[in-house]
C-alpha atoms as a PDB file:
ATOM      1  CA  MET A   1     -13.501 -16.310   8.091  1.00  0.00           C
ATOM      2  CA  ILE A   2     -10.815 -16.717   5.448  1.00  0.00           C
ATOM      3  CA  ILE A   3     -10.010 -20.250   6.562  1.00  0.00           C
ATOM      4  CA  SER A   4     -13.619 -21.384   6.966  1.00  0.00           C
ATOM      5  CA  ASP A   5     -14.785 -19.911   3.621  1.00  0.00           C
ATOM      6  CA  PRO A   6     -11.892 -18.803   1.389  1.00  0.00           C
ATOM      7  CA  GLU A   7     -14.286 -17.913  -1.439  1.00  0.00           C
ATOM      8  CA  ASP A   8     -16.100 -15.292   0.678  1.00  0.00           C
ATOM      9  CA  PRO A   9     -14.454 -11.856   0.265  1.00  0.00           C
ATOM     10  CA  THR A  10     -15.682 -10.575   3.647  1.00  0.00           C
ATOM     11  CA  GLY A  11     -12.739 -12.020   5.581  1.00  0.00           C
ATOM     12  CA  TYR A  12     -10.181 -10.608   3.151  1.00  0.00           C
ATOM     13  CA  LEU A  13     -11.853  -7.194   3.289  1.00  0.00           C
ATOM     14  CA  LEU A  14     -11.852  -7.184   7.099  1.00  0.00           C
ATOM     15  CA  VAL A  15      -8.255  -8.373   7.495  1.00  0.00           C
ATOM     16  CA  GLY A  16      -7.007  -6.037   4.755  1.00  0.00           C
ATOM     17  CA  HIS A  17      -8.786  -3.130   6.440  1.00  0.00           C
ATOM     18  CA  TRP A  18      -7.204  -4.064   9.782  1.00  0.00           C
ATOM     19  CA  TYR A  19      -3.719  -4.032   8.251  1.00  0.00           C
ATOM     20  CA  LYS A  20      -4.466  -0.713   6.558  1.00  0.00           C
ATOM     21  CA  GLU A  21      -5.512   0.816   9.884  1.00  0.00           C
ATOM     22  CA  LYS A  22      -2.236  -0.389  11.404  1.00  0.00           C
ATOM     23  CA  GLY A  23      -0.333   1.356   8.584  1.00  0.00           C
ATOM     24  CA  ASN A  24       0.860  -1.890   7.025  1.00  0.00           C
ATOM     25  CA  GLU A  25      -0.085  -1.339   3.391  1.00  0.00           C
ATOM     26  CA  GLU A  26       2.112  -4.204   2.168  1.00  0.00           C
ATOM     27  CA  LYS A  27       0.257  -6.786   4.254  1.00  0.00           C
ATOM     28  CA  ALA A  28      -3.088  -5.254   3.260  1.00  0.00           C
ATOM     29  CA  ILE A  29      -2.136  -5.603  -0.420  1.00  0.00           C
ATOM     30  CA  GLU A  30      -1.033  -9.187   0.209  1.00  0.00           C
ATOM     31  CA  VAL A  31      -4.386 -10.053   1.811  1.00  0.00           C
ATOM     32  CA  PHE A  32      -6.365  -8.336  -0.950  1.00  0.00           C
ATOM     33  CA  ASN A  33      -4.337 -10.277  -3.541  1.00  0.00           C
ATOM     34  CA  MET A  34      -5.131 -13.533  -1.746  1.00  0.00           C
ATOM     35  CA  GLY A  35      -8.799 -12.614  -1.900  1.00  0.00           C
ATOM     36  CA  LEU A  36      -8.649 -11.709  -5.568  1.00  0.00           C
ATOM     37  CA  ASN A  37      -7.099 -15.095  -6.285  1.00  0.00           C
ATOM     38  CA  GLN A  38      -9.716 -17.020  -4.269  1.00  0.00           C
ATOM     39  CA  VAL A  39     -12.950 -15.121  -4.844  1.00  0.00           C
ATOM     40  CA  SER A  40     -14.949 -15.497  -8.034  1.00  0.00           C
ATOM     41  CA  ILE A  41     -14.925 -12.490 -10.367  1.00  0.00           C
ATOM     42  CA  LYS A  42     -18.715 -12.796 -10.427  1.00  0.00           C
ATOM     43  CA  HIS A  43     -19.041 -12.277  -6.662  1.00  0.00           C
ATOM     44  CA  LYS A  44     -20.726  -8.966  -5.816  1.00  0.00           C
ATOM     45  CA  LYS A  45     -17.862  -7.960  -3.464  1.00  0.00           C
ATOM     46  CA  TYR A  46     -15.035  -8.829  -5.880  1.00  0.00           C
ATOM     47  CA  GLU A  47     -14.921  -5.240  -7.122  1.00  0.00           C
ATOM     48  CA  ALA A  48     -14.604  -3.991  -3.518  1.00  0.00           C
ATOM     49  CA  LEU A  49     -11.512  -6.199  -3.090  1.00  0.00           C
ATOM     50  CA  ARG A  50      -9.996  -4.838  -6.283  1.00  0.00           C
ATOM     51  CA  GLN A  51     -10.689  -1.229  -5.290  1.00  0.00           C
ATOM     52  CA  ARG A  52      -9.293  -1.671  -1.777  1.00  0.00           C
ATOM     53  CA  LYS A  53      -6.139  -3.192  -3.236  1.00  0.00           C
ATOM     54  CA  GLN A  54      -5.737  -0.219  -5.579  1.00  0.00           C
ATOM     55  CA  LYS A  55      -6.213   2.241  -2.699  1.00  0.00           C
ATOM     56  CA  ALA A  56      -3.635   0.400  -0.584  1.00  0.00           C
ATOM     57  CA  GLU A  57      -1.151   0.478  -3.469  1.00  0.00           C
ATOM     58  CA  SER A  58      -1.772   4.189  -3.922  1.00  0.00           C
ATOM     59  CA  ARG A  59      -1.224   4.895  -0.200  1.00  0.00           C
ATOM     60  CA  LYS A  60       1.937   2.798  -0.205  1.00  0.00           C
ATOM     61  CA  ALA A  61       3.321   4.778  -3.139  1.00  0.00           C
ATOM     62  CA  LYS A  62       2.605   8.104  -1.394  1.00  0.00           C
ATOM     63  CA  ARG A  63       4.456   7.330   1.834  1.00  0.00           C
ATOM     64  CA  MET A  64       7.391   9.636   2.363  1.00  0.00           C
ATOM     65  CA  ASP A  65      10.035   9.827   5.047  1.00  0.00           C
ATOM     66  CA  ILE A  66      10.181  13.560   5.696  1.00  0.00           C
ATOM     67  CA  LEU A  67      12.949  13.299   8.293  1.00  0.00           C
ATOM     68  CA  GLY A  68      15.065  11.301   5.843  1.00  0.00           C
ATOM     69  CA  GLN A  69      14.553  13.908   3.107  1.00  0.00           C
ATOM     70  CA  LEU A  70      15.994  16.741   5.161  1.00  0.00           C
ATOM     71  CA  PRO A  71      19.660  17.713   5.410  1.00  0.00           C
ATOM     72  CA  ARG A  72      21.264  16.030   8.429  1.00  0.00           C
ATOM     73  CA  GLU A  73      21.669  19.256  10.409  1.00  0.00           C
ATOM     74  CA  ARG A  74      17.931  19.979  10.017  1.00  0.00           C
ATOM     75  CA  SER A  75      16.924  16.472  11.063  1.00  0.00           C
ATOM     76  CA  HIS A  76      19.220  16.714  14.107  1.00  0.00           C
ATOM     77  CA  HIS A  77      17.666  20.086  14.957  1.00  0.00           C
ATOM     78  CA  ILE A  78      14.171  18.546  14.809  1.00  0.00           C
ATOM     79  CA  ILE A  79      15.309  15.693  17.050  1.00  0.00           C
ATOM     80  CA  ASP A  80      16.682  18.189  19.570  1.00  0.00           C
ATOM     81  CA  ILE A  81      13.439  20.184  19.655  1.00  0.00           C
ATOM     82  CA  TYR A  82      10.725  17.531  19.476  1.00  0.00           C
ATOM     83  CA  PHE A  83      12.198  14.339  20.911  1.00  0.00           C
ATOM     84  CA  ASP A  84      13.166  13.554  24.483  1.00  0.00           C
ATOM     85  CA  GLN A  85      16.714  12.194  24.347  1.00  0.00           C
ATOM     86  CA  GLU A  86      15.910   9.617  27.017  1.00  0.00           C
ATOM     87  CA  ALA A  87      12.950   8.225  25.064  1.00  0.00           C
ATOM     88  CA  ILE A  88      14.245   8.424  21.481  1.00  0.00           C
ATOM     89  CA  THR A  89      15.406   4.804  21.199  1.00  0.00           C
ATOM     90  CA  PRO A  90      12.068   3.354  19.983  1.00  0.00           C
ATOM     91  CA  TYR A  91      12.069   5.828  17.093  1.00  0.00           C
ATOM     92  CA  ALA A  92      15.250   4.227  15.793  1.00  0.00           C
ATOM     93  CA  ARG A  93      13.086   1.214  14.900  1.00  0.00           C
ATOM     94  CA  ILE A  94      10.852   3.143  12.487  1.00  0.00           C
ATOM     95  CA  CYS A  95      13.159   2.566   9.539  1.00  0.00           C
ATOM     96  CA  SER A  96      16.831   2.258   8.678  1.00  0.00           C
ATOM     97  CA  THR A  97      17.072   5.956   7.767  1.00  0.00           C
ATOM     98  CA  TRP A  98      15.746   7.074  11.158  1.00  0.00           C
ATOM     99  CA  ARG A  99      18.064   4.588  12.843  1.00  0.00           C
ATOM    100  CA  LYS A 100      21.106   6.095  11.089  1.00  0.00           C
ATOM    101  CA  ILE A 101      20.011   9.652  11.883  1.00  0.00           C
ATOM    102  CA  ILE A 102      19.403   8.876  15.567  1.00  0.00           C
ATOM    103  CA  LEU A 103      22.580   6.830  16.000  1.00  0.00           C
ATOM    104  CA  ASN A 104      24.683   9.546  14.348  1.00  0.00           C
ATOM    105  CA  HIS A 105      23.038  12.270  16.403  1.00  0.00           C
ATOM    106  CA  GLY A 106      25.223  13.233  19.260  1.00  0.00           C
END
């Protein structure tokens, strides 16, 4: 949709929503920005693009890494209780903080 009609906000709204559902607020904001740059201010869905961008920015600002905020001994305790040691490797890919915590956990 975006490629075939870059001045129609529908494609940007759909793709931005998809990224939001996947938890990728940065990409959603990027898509909404593309739409805001391409779509006429007079278009009836322009305001929806602007509002969705604002919501994505708000969600991005509210994200918090709870495990990274805890003292190391608490985070290691949580890992011991809630995570299977054999299957913990994929969680090291969540972010650099989790990677450090998991790699330093012994």
